Amino acid sequence: MLAALEVIASASQPPSLSVLSRRIGAPKSTVHRLLDVLVRRDVLERTTAGYALSPTMRRLSQLMIDRTPKDVVELLEPFAGDLFERTGDYVVIGVPDNGYIVAVHSIRSHRHANLPLAVDRVPAQLSAIGKLWLAQQTGGEPAYDLPAQPGKVLSELRRIRRSGVATVAEHGGDPVTEVAMPIIGVRGMVAGIARRLPPGEPVPLASTLVHQQIAIAASAAARRFEAHGSTRS
């Protein structure tokens, strides 16, 4: 049941019963029974495309987003704007929250109409920002459960730790590639700044350098902010 909720919450489009059965690795009949329970309990709702979080659950998710101190968001918003203006990419700022990444700010235009929206709250291992955060754990050994093939995942996290860049390809709905870099404060990673791109689209070196420069500038601002007595816990 928890696995089903995690897949649904992190999907850019409502997944169907077949997709959920495949992603969870359980028979359709079993998954269907679980989903029926969640729909009756007002945790999920059925849509024409598949299953989605109910309005009640979405309100609870929004509370998680709203609890992020607004001064932190306001500090980082201009850097997202700079990255959007200089690359034209769909830009997202995300912060770590107890094993998840919460998207607190995003900028996109009509050019990105075919790209799925960034999910408000997603398990860390399913987002590029989350991979950055996992890689920041001591020695690159994350404190949260990892998906299958842990050796392969840990190898990737160590590479991310060295390079400071993470990518992830989403396949739950419409495909999209996310490229992220960390924003480092006094006490470690404060947030991540990511660009969402169509899969297979070449990423020019110039835009990568701009991304890196803005992430470094945002990190410097975050350190000054924290050093002067941030209210962020």
C-alpha atoms as a PDB file:
ATOM      1  CA  MET A   1       0.000   0.000   0.000  1.00  0.00           C
ATOM      2  CA  LEU A   2       2.809   2.390   0.898  1.00  0.00           C
ATOM      3  CA  ALA A   3       4.621   1.485  -2.312  1.00  0.00           C
ATOM      4  CA  ALA A   4       1.475   2.297  -4.313  1.00  0.00           C
ATOM      5  CA  LEU A   5       1.105   5.666  -2.575  1.00  0.00           C
ATOM      6  CA  GLU A   6       4.745   6.490  -3.233  1.00  0.00           C
ATOM      7  CA  VAL A   7       4.432   5.727  -6.956  1.00  0.00           C
ATOM      8  CA  ILE A   8       1.197   7.718  -7.276  1.00  0.00           C
ATOM      9  CA  ALA A   9       2.511  10.703  -5.299  1.00  0.00           C
ATOM     10  CA  SER A  10       5.710  10.912  -7.362  1.00  0.00           C
ATOM     11  CA  ALA A  11       4.089  10.388 -10.800  1.00  0.00           C
ATOM     12  CA  SER A  12       3.639  13.390 -13.097  1.00  0.00           C
ATOM     13  CA  GLN A  13       0.441  11.781 -14.510  1.00  0.00           C
ATOM     14  CA  PRO A  14      -2.081   9.490 -12.718  1.00  0.00           C
ATOM     15  CA  PRO A  15      -0.719   5.945 -13.210  1.00  0.00           C
ATOM     16  CA  SER A  16      -3.018   3.164 -14.343  1.00  0.00           C
ATOM     17  CA  LEU A  17      -3.576  -0.127 -12.543  1.00  0.00           C
ATOM     18  CA  SER A  18      -1.220  -1.866 -15.001  1.00  0.00           C
ATOM     19  CA  VAL A  19       1.543   0.689 -14.406  1.00  0.00           C
ATOM     20  CA  LEU A  20       1.174   0.418 -10.616  1.00  0.00           C
ATOM     21  CA  SER A  21       1.208  -3.375 -10.740  1.00  0.00           C
ATOM     22  CA  ARG A  22       4.416  -3.314 -12.794  1.00  0.00           C
ATOM     23  CA  ARG A  23       6.138  -0.654 -10.674  1.00  0.00           C
ATOM     24  CA  ILE A  24       5.250  -2.320  -7.367  1.00  0.00           C
ATOM     25  CA  GLY A  25       5.883  -5.859  -8.573  1.00  0.00           C
ATOM     26  CA  ALA A  26       2.527  -7.233  -7.343  1.00  0.00           C
ATOM     27  CA  PRO A  27      -0.393  -8.917  -9.149  1.00  0.00           C
ATOM     28  CA  LYS A  28      -3.082  -6.645 -10.556  1.00  0.00           C
ATOM     29  CA  SER A  29      -5.742  -8.295  -8.380  1.00  0.00           C
ATOM     30  CA  THR A  30      -3.777  -7.512  -5.208  1.00  0.00           C
ATOM     31  CA  VAL A  31      -3.042  -3.936  -6.240  1.00  0.00           C
ATOM     32  CA  HIS A  32      -6.685  -3.407  -7.247  1.00  0.00           C
ATOM     33  CA  ARG A  33      -7.893  -4.489  -3.788  1.00  0.00           C
ATOM     34  CA  LEU A  34      -5.426  -2.129  -2.099  1.00  0.00           C
ATOM     35  CA  LEU A  35      -6.431   0.766  -4.337  1.00  0.00           C
ATOM     36  CA  ASP A  36     -10.128   0.152  -3.612  1.00  0.00           C
ATOM     37  CA  VAL A  37      -9.419   0.458   0.112  1.00  0.00           C
ATOM     38  CA  LEU A  38      -7.504   3.710  -0.395  1.00  0.00           C
ATOM     39  CA  VAL A  39     -10.268   5.162  -2.577  1.00  0.00           C
ATOM     40  CA  ARG A  40     -12.937   4.274   0.015  1.00  0.00           C
ATOM     41  CA  ARG A  41     -10.786   5.892   2.738  1.00  0.00           C
ATOM     42  CA  ASP A  42     -10.510   9.118   0.688  1.00  0.00           C
ATOM     43  CA  VAL A  43      -6.756   8.734   0.327  1.00  0.00           C
ATOM     44  CA  LEU A  44      -6.927   8.269  -3.473  1.00  0.00           C
ATOM     45  CA  GLU A  45      -9.348   9.130  -6.234  1.00  0.00           C
ATOM     46  CA  ARG A  46      -9.969   7.414  -9.565  1.00  0.00           C
ATOM     47  CA  THR A  47      -9.565   9.528 -12.683  1.00  0.00           C
ATOM     48  CA  THR A  48     -10.058   8.724 -16.356  1.00  0.00           C
ATOM     49  CA  ALA A  49      -6.277   8.283 -16.683  1.00  0.00           C
ATOM     50  CA  GLY A  50      -5.605   6.333 -13.486  1.00  0.00           C
ATOM     51  CA  TYR A  51      -5.199   6.938  -9.769  1.00  0.00           C
ATOM     52  CA  ALA A  52      -4.305  10.228  -8.048  1.00  0.00           C
ATOM     53  CA  LEU A  53      -4.072  11.582  -4.524  1.00  0.00           C
ATOM     54  CA  SER A  54      -7.430  12.758  -3.219  1.00  0.00           C
ATOM     55  CA  PRO A  55      -8.065  16.461  -2.486  1.00  0.00           C
ATOM     56  CA  THR A  56      -7.670  15.654   1.225  1.00  0.00           C
ATOM     57  CA  MET A  57      -4.228  14.156   0.686  1.00  0.00           C
ATOM     58  CA  ARG A  58      -3.211  17.034  -1.586  1.00  0.00           C
ATOM     59  CA  ARG A  59      -4.126  19.489   1.168  1.00  0.00           C
ATOM     60  CA  LEU A  60      -1.941  17.541   3.604  1.00  0.00           C
ATOM     61  CA  SER A  61       0.916  17.601   1.063  1.00  0.00           C
ATOM     62  CA  GLN A  62       0.503  21.364   0.699  1.00  0.00           C
ATOM     63  CA  LEU A  63       0.897  21.741   4.470  1.00  0.00           C
ATOM     64  CA  MET A  64       4.326  20.097   4.135  1.00  0.00           C
ATOM     65  CA  ILE A  65       5.265  22.642   1.487  1.00  0.00           C
ATOM     66  CA  ASP A  66       3.867  25.572   3.446  1.00  0.00           C
ATOM     67  CA  ARG A  67       5.929  24.754   6.526  1.00  0.00           C
ATOM     68  CA  THR A  68       9.162  25.571   4.644  1.00  0.00           C
ATOM     69  CA  PRO A  69      10.320  28.940   6.029  1.00  0.00           C
ATOM     70  CA  LYS A  70       9.366  31.630   3.522  1.00  0.00           C
ATOM     71  CA  ASP A  71      12.602  33.533   4.105  1.00  0.00           C
ATOM     72  CA  VAL A  72      14.563  30.586   2.664  1.00  0.00           C
ATOM     73  CA  VAL A  73      12.295  30.406  -0.382  1.00  0.00           C
ATOM     74  CA  GLU A  74      12.472  34.165  -0.911  1.00  0.00           C
ATOM     75  CA  LEU A  75      16.270  34.021  -0.703  1.00  0.00           C
ATOM     76  CA  LEU A  76      16.509  31.416  -3.466  1.00  0.00           C
ATOM     77  CA  GLU A  77      13.746  32.590  -5.830  1.00  0.00           C
ATOM     78  CA  PRO A  78      15.933  35.199  -7.626  1.00  0.00           C
ATOM     79  CA  PHE A  79      18.515  32.534  -8.460  1.00  0.00           C
ATOM     80  CA  ALA A  80      15.813  30.395 -10.064  1.00  0.00           C
ATOM     81  CA  GLY A  81      14.791  33.458 -12.062  1.00  0.00           C
ATOM     82  CA  ASP A  82      18.381  34.058 -13.181  1.00  0.00           C
ATOM     83  CA  LEU A  83      18.750  30.455 -14.332  1.00  0.00           C
ATOM     84  CA  PHE A  84      15.443  30.586 -16.219  1.00  0.00           C
ATOM     85  CA  GLU A  85      16.380  33.837 -17.974  1.00  0.00           C
ATOM     86  CA  ARG A  86      19.845  32.673 -18.960  1.00  0.00           C
ATOM     87  CA  THR A  87      18.980  29.137 -20.132  1.00  0.00           C
ATOM     88  CA  GLY A  88      15.253  29.262 -20.982  1.00  0.00           C
ATOM     89  CA  ASP A  89      14.806  25.945 -19.156  1.00  0.00           C
ATOM     90  CA  TYR A  90      12.049  24.889 -16.758  1.00  0.00           C
ATOM     91  CA  VAL A  91      13.633  25.573 -13.341  1.00  0.00           C
ATOM     92  CA  VAL A  92      12.754  24.063  -9.956  1.00  0.00           C
ATOM     93  CA  ILE A  93      14.018  24.766  -6.428  1.00  0.00           C
ATOM     94  CA  GLY A  94      13.616  21.790  -4.074  1.00  0.00           C
ATOM     95  CA  VAL A  95      14.451  21.294  -0.401  1.00  0.00           C
ATOM     96  CA  PRO A  96      15.071  18.023   1.476  1.00  0.00           C
ATOM     97  CA  ASP A  97      12.479  16.977   4.046  1.00  0.00           C
ATOM     98  CA  ASN A  98      12.853  13.711   5.947  1.00  0.00           C
ATOM     99  CA  GLY A  99      13.808  11.539   2.979  1.00  0.00           C
ATOM    100  CA  TYR A 100      11.735  13.460   0.448  1.00  0.00           C
ATOM    101  CA  ILE A 101      12.289  16.470  -1.803  1.00  0.00           C
ATOM    102  CA  VAL A 102       9.680  19.246  -1.640  1.00  0.00           C
ATOM    103  CA  ALA A 103       9.434  21.548  -4.682  1.00  0.00           C
ATOM    104  CA  VAL A 104       9.082  25.023  -3.138  1.00  0.00           C
ATOM    105  CA  HIS A 105       9.420  27.174  -6.255  1.00  0.00           C
ATOM    106  CA  SER A 106       9.392  26.674 -10.022  1.00  0.00           C
ATOM    107  CA  ILE A 107       9.460  28.776 -13.198  1.00  0.00           C
ATOM    108  CA  ARG A 108       8.360  27.665 -16.635  1.00  0.00           C
ATOM    109  CA  SER A 109       6.883  29.167 -19.785  1.00  0.00           C
ATOM    110  CA  HIS A 110       4.633  28.147 -22.671  1.00  0.00           C
ATOM    111  CA  ARG A 111       7.704  26.531 -24.253  1.00  0.00           C
ATOM    112  CA  HIS A 112       7.468  23.869 -21.544  1.00  0.00           C
ATOM    113  CA  ALA A 113       3.802  23.010 -22.065  1.00  0.00           C
ATOM    114  CA  ASN A 114       4.712  19.464 -23.148  1.00  0.00           C
ATOM    115  CA  LEU A 115       6.849  18.811 -20.061  1.00  0.00           C
ATOM    116  CA  PRO A 116       5.102  17.308 -17.011  1.00  0.00           C
ATOM    117  CA  LEU A 117       4.927  19.485 -13.914  1.00  0.00           C
ATOM    118  CA  ALA A 118       7.462  18.930 -11.156  1.00  0.00           C
ATOM    119  CA  VAL A 119       5.916  16.821  -8.383  1.00  0.00           C
ATOM    120  CA  ASP A 120       5.357  18.761  -5.136  1.00  0.00           C
ATOM    121  CA  ARG A 121       6.829  16.040  -2.907  1.00  0.00           C
ATOM    122  CA  VAL A 122       8.834  13.090  -4.178  1.00  0.00           C
ATOM    123  CA  PRO A 123      11.035  10.393  -2.558  1.00  0.00           C
ATOM    124  CA  ALA A 124      14.647  11.578  -2.635  1.00  0.00           C
ATOM    125  CA  GLN A 125      15.954   8.709  -4.758  1.00  0.00           C
ATOM    126  CA  LEU A 126      13.453   9.547  -7.528  1.00  0.00           C
ATOM    127  CA  SER A 127      14.638  13.124  -8.144  1.00  0.00           C
ATOM    128  CA  ALA A 128      17.932  14.655  -9.229  1.00  0.00           C
ATOM    129  CA  ILE A 129      17.848  17.054  -6.256  1.00  0.00           C
ATOM    130  CA  GLY A 130      17.187  14.089  -3.980  1.00  0.00           C
ATOM    131  CA  LYS A 131      20.173  12.202  -5.364  1.00  0.00           C
ATOM    132  CA  LEU A 132      22.332  15.228  -4.603  1.00  0.00           C
ATOM    133  CA  TRP A 133      21.054  15.249  -1.045  1.00  0.00           C
ATOM    134  CA  LEU A 134      21.604  11.496  -0.613  1.00  0.00           C
ATOM    135  CA  ALA A 135      25.136  11.904  -1.955  1.00  0.00           C
ATOM    136  CA  GLN A 136      25.827  14.550   0.693  1.00  0.00           C
ATOM    137  CA  GLN A 137      25.322  12.025   3.482  1.00  0.00           C
ATOM    138  CA  THR A 138      28.508  11.068   5.330  1.00  0.00           C
ATOM    139  CA  GLY A 139      30.823   9.152   3.016  1.00  0.00           C
ATOM    140  CA  GLY A 140      28.112   8.982   0.391  1.00  0.00           C
ATOM    141  CA  GLU A 141      26.293   6.356   2.512  1.00  0.00           C
ATOM    142  CA  PRO A 142      22.649   7.553   2.649  1.00  0.00           C
ATOM    143  CA  ALA A 143      20.581   7.165   5.798  1.00  0.00           C
ATOM    144  CA  TYR A 144      17.400   6.240   3.914  1.00  0.00           C
ATOM    145  CA  ASP A 145      16.315   3.075   2.146  1.00  0.00           C
ATOM    146  CA  LEU A 146      17.546   2.727  -1.416  1.00  0.00           C
ATOM    147  CA  PRO A 147      15.889   0.954  -4.346  1.00  0.00           C
ATOM    148  CA  ALA A 148      17.133  -2.323  -5.815  1.00  0.00           C
ATOM    149  CA  GLN A 149      20.814  -2.807  -6.770  1.00  0.00           C
ATOM    150  CA  PRO A 150      22.212  -0.813  -3.787  1.00  0.00           C
ATOM    151  CA  GLY A 151      25.813  -1.295  -4.997  1.00  0.00           C
ATOM    152  CA  LYS A 152      25.023   0.399  -8.297  1.00  0.00           C
ATOM    153  CA  VAL A 153      23.135   3.187  -6.523  1.00  0.00           C
ATOM    154  CA  LEU A 154      25.950   3.857  -4.052  1.00  0.00           C
ATOM    155  CA  SER A 155      28.441   4.002  -6.916  1.00  0.00           C
ATOM    156  CA  GLU A 156      26.259   6.624  -8.614  1.00  0.00           C
ATOM    157  CA  LEU A 157      25.960   8.628  -5.375  1.00  0.00           C
ATOM    158  CA  ARG A 158      29.737   8.679  -4.958  1.00  0.00           C
ATOM    159  CA  ARG A 159      30.095   9.956  -8.523  1.00  0.00           C
ATOM    160  CA  ILE A 160      27.506  12.655  -7.797  1.00  0.00           C
ATOM    161  CA  ARG A 161      29.354  13.587  -4.606  1.00  0.00           C
ATOM    162  CA  ARG A 162      32.537  14.126  -6.628  1.00  0.00           C
ATOM    163  CA  SER A 163      30.939  16.035  -9.505  1.00  0.00           C
ATOM    164  CA  GLY A 164      28.216  17.979  -7.663  1.00  0.00           C
ATOM    165  CA  VAL A 165      25.787  17.250 -10.531  1.00  0.00           C
ATOM    166  CA  ALA A 166      22.913  14.759 -10.606  1.00  0.00           C
ATOM    167  CA  THR A 167      20.506  13.658 -13.306  1.00  0.00           C
ATOM    168  CA  VAL A 168      17.399  11.498 -13.321  1.00  0.00           C
ATOM    169  CA  ALA A 169      15.033  10.401 -16.096  1.00  0.00           C
ATOM    170  CA  GLU A 170      11.354  10.191 -15.112  1.00  0.00           C
ATOM    171  CA  HIS A 171       9.277   7.516 -16.805  1.00  0.00           C
ATOM    172  CA  GLY A 172       6.099   7.383 -14.666  1.00  0.00           C
ATOM    173  CA  GLY A 173       4.187   9.492 -17.193  1.00  0.00           C
ATOM    174  CA  ASP A 174       5.549  11.656 -19.968  1.00  0.00           C
ATOM    175  CA  PRO A 175       9.349  11.277 -20.031  1.00  0.00           C
ATOM    176  CA  VAL A 176      11.519  14.130 -18.760  1.00  0.00           C
ATOM    177  CA  THR A 177      15.155  14.538 -17.745  1.00  0.00           C
ATOM    178  CA  GLU A 178      16.066  16.523 -14.634  1.00  0.00           C
ATOM    179  CA  VAL A 179      19.556  17.963 -14.092  1.00  0.00           C
ATOM    180  CA  ALA A 180      20.338  19.388 -10.642  1.00  0.00           C
ATOM    181  CA  MET A 181      23.113  21.069  -8.669  1.00  0.00           C
ATOM    182  CA  PRO A 182      23.242  21.618  -4.891  1.00  0.00           C
ATOM    183  CA  ILE A 183      22.905  24.838  -2.928  1.00  0.00           C
ATOM    184  CA  ILE A 184      25.284  24.423   0.007  1.00  0.00           C
ATOM    185  CA  GLY A 185      24.829  26.376   3.241  1.00  0.00           C
ATOM    186  CA  VAL A 186      26.777  26.470   6.489  1.00  0.00           C
ATOM    187  CA  ARG A 187      25.366  23.137   7.677  1.00  0.00           C
ATOM    188  CA  GLY A 188      25.382  21.326   4.336  1.00  0.00           C
ATOM    189  CA  MET A 189      22.924  21.131   1.471  1.00  0.00           C
ATOM    190  CA  VAL A 190      20.106  23.660   1.932  1.00  0.00           C
ATOM    191  CA  ALA A 191      18.337  22.985  -1.367  1.00  0.00           C
ATOM    192  CA  GLY A 192      18.880  22.017  -4.987  1.00  0.00           C
ATOM    193  CA  ILE A 193      18.325  23.931  -8.192  1.00  0.00           C
ATOM    194  CA  ALA A 194      17.223  21.815 -11.147  1.00  0.00           C
ATOM    195  CA  ARG A 195      16.396  22.150 -14.838  1.00  0.00           C
ATOM    196  CA  ARG A 196      13.753  19.923 -16.438  1.00  0.00           C
ATOM    197  CA  LEU A 197      14.416  19.009 -20.070  1.00  0.00           C
ATOM    198  CA  PRO A 198      12.879  16.789 -22.759  1.00  0.00           C
ATOM    199  CA  PRO A 199      14.637  13.394 -22.772  1.00  0.00           C
ATOM    200  CA  GLY A 200      17.513  13.084 -25.193  1.00  0.00           C
ATOM    201  CA  GLU A 201      17.826  16.830 -25.681  1.00  0.00           C
ATOM    202  CA  PRO A 202      21.520  17.783 -25.774  1.00  0.00           C
ATOM    203  CA  VAL A 203      22.608  19.965 -22.860  1.00  0.00           C
ATOM    204  CA  PRO A 204      24.961  22.702 -24.121  1.00  0.00           C
ATOM    205  CA  LEU A 205      28.133  23.212 -22.123  1.00  0.00           C
ATOM    206  CA  ALA A 206      27.360  26.936 -21.866  1.00  0.00           C
ATOM    207  CA  SER A 207      24.065  26.287 -20.070  1.00  0.00           C
ATOM    208  CA  THR A 208      25.758  23.793 -17.732  1.00  0.00           C
ATOM    209  CA  LEU A 209      28.358  26.402 -16.787  1.00  0.00           C
ATOM    210  CA  VAL A 210      25.623  28.988 -16.171  1.00  0.00           C
ATOM    211  CA  HIS A 211      23.793  26.454 -13.985  1.00  0.00           C
ATOM    212  CA  GLN A 212      26.976  25.847 -11.992  1.00  0.00           C
ATOM    213  CA  GLN A 213      27.734  29.562 -11.584  1.00  0.00           C
ATOM    214  CA  ILE A 214      24.222  30.291 -10.304  1.00  0.00           C
ATOM    215  CA  ALA A 215      24.321  27.329  -7.891  1.00  0.00           C
ATOM    216  CA  ILE A 216      27.641  28.617  -6.505  1.00  0.00           C
ATOM    217  CA  ALA A 217      26.210  32.144  -6.115  1.00  0.00           C
ATOM    218  CA  ALA A 218      23.107  30.764  -4.396  1.00  0.00           C
ATOM    219  CA  SER A 219      25.324  28.732  -2.051  1.00  0.00           C
ATOM    220  CA  ALA A 220      27.296  31.837  -1.090  1.00  0.00           C
ATOM    221  CA  ALA A 221      24.045  33.710  -0.401  1.00  0.00           C
ATOM    222  CA  ALA A 222      22.720  30.805   1.694  1.00  0.00           C
ATOM    223  CA  ARG A 223      25.894  30.734   3.813  1.00  0.00           C
ATOM    224  CA  ARG A 224      25.699  34.485   4.437  1.00  0.00           C
ATOM    225  CA  PHE A 225      22.016  34.138   5.269  1.00  0.00           C
ATOM    226  CA  GLU A 226      22.625  31.343   7.786  1.00  0.00           C
ATOM    227  CA  ALA A 227      25.645  33.065   9.303  1.00  0.00           C
ATOM    228  CA  HIS A 228      23.530  36.134  10.060  1.00  0.00           C
ATOM    229  CA  GLY A 229      20.959  34.238  12.057  1.00  0.00           C
ATOM    230  CA  SER A 230      18.480  32.438   9.821  1.00  0.00           C
ATOM    231  CA  THR A 231      15.207  31.343  11.360  1.00  0.00           C
ATOM    232  CA  ARG A 232      15.542  28.040   9.548  1.00  0.00           C
ATOM    233  CA  SER A 233      15.782  25.093  11.931  1.00  0.00           C
END
